[in-house]
């Protein structure tokens, strides 16, 4: 029985060490994903703000063109 134990125990210890590394990697990936989601949310908000500003500029440009009779109404 000790021969089996001598063979199995090191294999199980190796597997346990590998699982520990995988678990650590998963924790790091989860943290990274959280940071990515937070930054992506900020980027989306900034893009929405830029789109509103562009729309506003487009509207103002249209008014200016109409005042100067540069476009047909």
Protein backbone atom coordinates (compact mmCIF):
# COMPACT_ATOMS: atom_id res chain seq x y z
CA UNK A 1 0.00 0.00 0.00
CA UNK A 2 2.87 2.41 0.67
CA UNK A 3 4.11 2.02 -2.91
CA UNK A 4 0.74 3.24 -4.17
CA UNK A 5 0.79 6.11 -1.67
CA UNK A 6 4.32 7.01 -2.74
CA UNK A 7 3.12 7.29 -6.34
CA UNK A 8 -0.31 8.87 -5.81
CA UNK A 9 0.54 11.50 -3.20
CA UNK A 10 3.09 13.40 -5.34
CA UNK A 11 0.71 13.36 -8.30
CA UNK A 12 -2.11 14.71 -6.14
CA UNK A 13 0.19 17.39 -4.72
CA UNK A 14 1.17 18.43 -8.24
CA UNK A 15 -2.49 18.63 -9.26
CA UNK A 16 -3.30 20.64 -6.15
CA UNK A 17 -0.49 23.11 -6.91
CA UNK A 18 -1.71 23.49 -10.51
CA UNK A 19 -5.27 24.09 -9.33
CA UNK A 20 -3.99 26.74 -6.94
CA UNK A 21 -2.25 28.54 -9.82
CA UNK A 22 -5.38 28.30 -11.97
CA UNK A 23 -7.47 29.72 -9.13
CA UNK A 24 -5.04 32.62 -8.71
CA UNK A 25 -5.13 33.28 -12.45
CA UNK A 26 -8.94 33.29 -12.41
CA UNK A 27 -9.01 35.80 -9.57
CA UNK A 28 -6.64 38.04 -11.54
CA UNK A 29 -8.77 37.69 -14.67
CA UNK A 30 -11.92 38.60 -12.71
CA UNK A 31 -10.24 41.71 -11.32
CA UNK A 32 -8.98 42.69 -14.77
CA UNK A 33 -12.44 42.21 -16.28
CA UNK A 34 -13.96 44.40 -13.58
CA UNK A 35 -11.47 47.19 -14.37
CA UNK A 36 -12.11 46.79 -18.09
CA UNK A 37 -15.87 47.05 -17.58
CA UNK A 38 -15.50 50.17 -15.47
CA UNK A 39 -13.26 51.82 -18.07
CA UNK A 40 -15.55 50.75 -20.93
CA UNK A 41 -18.52 52.31 -19.15
CA UNK A 42 -16.58 55.56 -18.85
CA UNK A 43 -15.67 55.44 -22.53
CA UNK A 44 -19.29 54.86 -23.51
CA UNK A 45 -20.36 57.87 -21.46
CA UNK A 46 -17.69 60.01 -23.13
CA UNK A 47 -18.73 58.87 -26.61
CA UNK A 48 -22.35 59.70 -25.82
CA UNK A 49 -21.29 63.17 -24.69
CA UNK A 50 -19.28 63.68 -27.87
CA UNK A 51 -22.22 62.56 -30.00
CA UNK A 52 -24.46 65.12 -28.29
CA UNK A 53 -21.91 67.85 -28.93
CA UNK A 54 -21.56 66.86 -32.58
CA UNK A 55 -25.35 66.89 -32.96
CA UNK A 56 -25.44 70.33 -31.37
CA UNK A 57 -22.73 71.62 -33.75
CA UNK A 58 -24.62 70.18 -36.71
CA UNK A 59 -27.80 71.94 -35.61
CA UNK A 60 -25.98 75.24 -35.12
CA UNK A 61 -24.24 74.94 -38.49
CA UNK A 62 -27.61 74.35 -40.16
CA UNK A 63 -29.00 77.49 -38.55
CA UNK A 64 -25.98 79.52 -39.66
CA UNK A 65 -26.28 78.23 -43.23
CA UNK A 66 -29.99 79.12 -43.31
CA UNK A 67 -29.31 82.63 -41.98
CA UNK A 68 -26.67 83.24 -44.62
CA UNK A 69 -28.91 81.76 -47.31
CA UNK A 70 -26.27 79.15 -48.15
CA UNK A 71 -28.84 76.34 -48.34
CA UNK A 72 -32.39 76.11 -49.57
CA UNK A 73 -35.01 75.93 -46.84
